[in-house]
Structures are given as structure tokens and as C-alpha cells.
Protein backbone atom coordinates (compact mmCIF):
# COMPACT_ATOMS: atom_id res chain seq x y z
CA MET A 1 0.00 0.00 0.00
CA PHE A 2 2.82 2.40 0.91
CA GLY A 3 4.59 1.68 -2.39
CA ARG A 4 1.45 2.49 -4.36
CA ARG A 5 1.10 5.89 -2.63
CA VAL A 6 4.72 6.72 -3.38
CA ILE A 7 4.27 5.86 -7.04
CA VAL A 8 1.04 7.91 -7.27
CA GLY A 9 2.76 10.83 -5.51
CA LEU A 10 5.71 10.67 -7.88
CA LEU A 11 3.38 10.55 -10.89
CA VAL A 12 1.47 13.57 -9.60
CA LEU A 13 4.74 15.48 -9.15
CA LEU A 14 5.88 14.43 -12.62
CA ASN A 15 2.59 15.59 -14.15
CA ALA A 16 2.81 18.91 -12.29
CA TYR A 17 6.37 19.39 -13.55
CA LEU A 18 5.34 18.60 -17.13
CA LEU A 19 2.34 20.94 -16.88
CA LEU A 20 4.50 23.79 -15.59
CA GLY A 21 6.96 23.16 -18.42
CA LEU A 22 4.14 23.14 -20.93
CA ILE A 23 2.86 26.51 -19.75
CA TRP A 24 5.94 28.45 -18.62
CA GLY A 25 8.78 26.48 -20.16
CA GLU A 26 11.16 27.60 -22.89
CA ARG A 27 8.80 26.26 -25.54
CA GLY A 28 5.64 26.68 -23.53
CA VAL A 29 2.41 28.52 -24.16
CA VAL A 30 3.66 31.80 -22.64
CA SER A 31 6.72 31.77 -24.92
CA TYR A 32 4.48 31.01 -27.88
CA TRP A 33 2.26 34.00 -27.12
CA ASP A 34 5.31 36.24 -26.75
CA LEU A 35 6.76 35.04 -30.05
CA LYS A 36 3.39 35.45 -31.74
CA SER A 37 3.09 39.08 -30.60
CA ARG A 38 6.68 39.80 -31.67
CA TYR A 39 5.93 38.22 -35.06
CA GLN A 40 2.85 40.44 -35.51
CA LEU A 41 4.89 43.53 -34.55
CA LEU A 42 7.70 42.65 -36.97
CA ARG A 43 5.20 41.81 -39.71
CA SER A 44 3.62 45.25 -39.28
CA GLU A 45 7.04 46.90 -39.37
CA VAL A 46 7.95 45.03 -42.57
CA GLN A 47 4.67 46.15 -44.15
CA ASN A 48 5.37 49.77 -43.22
CA LEU A 49 8.89 49.53 -44.64
CA GLU A 50 7.60 47.99 -47.87
CA THR A 51 5.08 50.81 -48.25
CA HIS A 52 7.79 53.40 -47.58
CA SER A 53 10.08 51.67 -50.09
CA ARG A 54 7.36 51.74 -52.76
CA ASP A 55 6.77 55.45 -52.10
CA LEU A 56 10.49 56.17 -52.42
CA SER A 57 10.69 54.14 -55.63
CA ARG A 58 7.79 56.13 -57.04
CA ASP A 59 9.53 59.38 -56.09
CA ILE A 60 12.76 58.22 -57.74
CA LEU A 61 10.97 57.32 -60.97
CA ARG A 62 9.14 60.62 -60.94
CA LEU A 63 12.36 62.55 -60.30
CA GLU A 64 14.00 60.76 -63.23
CA SER A 65 11.15 61.41 -65.64
CA ASP A 66 9.33 64.61 -64.59
CA ALA A 67 11.37 67.81 -64.88
CA ASP A 68 8.70 69.95 -63.19
CA TYR A 69 8.58 67.65 -60.17
CA GLN A 70 12.36 67.61 -60.08
CA GLU A 71 12.49 71.42 -60.04
CA ARG A 72 9.81 71.65 -57.34
CA MET A 73 11.68 69.22 -55.08
CA ILE A 74 14.96 71.06 -55.54
CA ARG A 75 13.31 74.38 -54.77
CA GLU A 76 11.46 73.06 -51.70
CA ARG A 77 14.18 70.97 -50.11
CA MET A 78 17.30 72.89 -51.04
CA ASN A 79 15.88 76.44 -51.09
CA TYR A 80 17.01 77.08 -54.65
CA VAL A 81 15.65 80.16 -56.41
CA ARG A 82 15.60 81.43 -59.93
CA ASP A 83 17.69 84.44 -60.93
CA SER A 84 14.69 86.77 -60.73
CA GLU A 85 13.57 85.59 -57.28
CA ILE A 86 14.56 86.55 -53.77
CA LEU A 87 14.55 84.03 -50.95
CA TYR A 88 13.61 85.17 -47.47
CA VAL A 89 14.60 82.80 -44.69
CA PHE A 90 13.14 83.52 -41.28
CA PRO A 91 14.77 82.00 -38.21
CA GLU A 92 12.64 79.64 -36.20
CA SER A 93 11.46 81.37 -33.06
CA GLU A 94 12.03 79.63 -29.74
CA THR A 95 9.25 81.59 -28.06
CA LYS A 96 5.62 80.95 -28.62
CA PRO A 97 3.33 83.69 -29.91
CA GLY A 98 2.00 85.61 -26.95
CA ASP A 99 4.98 84.86 -24.68
CA GLY A 100 6.14 88.45 -25.03
CA LEU A 101 2.83 89.70 -23.69
CA ASP A 102 3.02 87.46 -20.64
CA ALA A 103 6.56 88.60 -19.86
CA ALA A 104 5.52 92.26 -20.16
CA LYS A 105 2.74 91.79 -17.60
CA ASN A 106 5.12 90.44 -14.94
């Protein structure tokens, strides 16, 4: 009788150990859920990068073939002007509009 209880006890402990390994082990359910969420996150990032890559490819093709688009991009991004134009560059203000009024009140 005592031997049977020992065997049953050992089997219960073995089953508990296997169950814990199945849930929290290296290849358990918790690890699976973590890997699944990481996979979804990486999949989303890959999709965003593919979209961005397609947009850049479209821009490159347009820059190679459309002279008007090319000129507009050069003028916008590099501040180029024609001979008859004047470019005014205003420094970015560190104060918000209305900050001067608040300082004058104090």
C-alpha cells in the first residue's frame, strides 16, 4: 500500500512538472504568445517599410522622368531660387506667440 502511494505521488509530481513546463517552459504557451506578438509587430514593421520603399521608388521614378517635379523638389528641399527671385529665410522662433505679452505683464 505504501509503495502504491509513493508511485502515485511521484506521478502527480511528474505531471505537475510537465504541466508547468508546458505553460511556462522555454517552448511553452507563454513563450508562444510572446513570439506570436513579436511576429505580428515585426510583420507590421515590414509592411510599413515595404510601403515606404514603394513610395520612395515612385519618387525616384518621378524625379528621373518629370522635370517639373524635379524642379519643385529642388526648390522646396534645397531652397534654390531662380535668378529673378529673392529668398527670405526667417529664423525659427524659440518663443511661442503671446509669450512676449506674458513677460511684459510680470
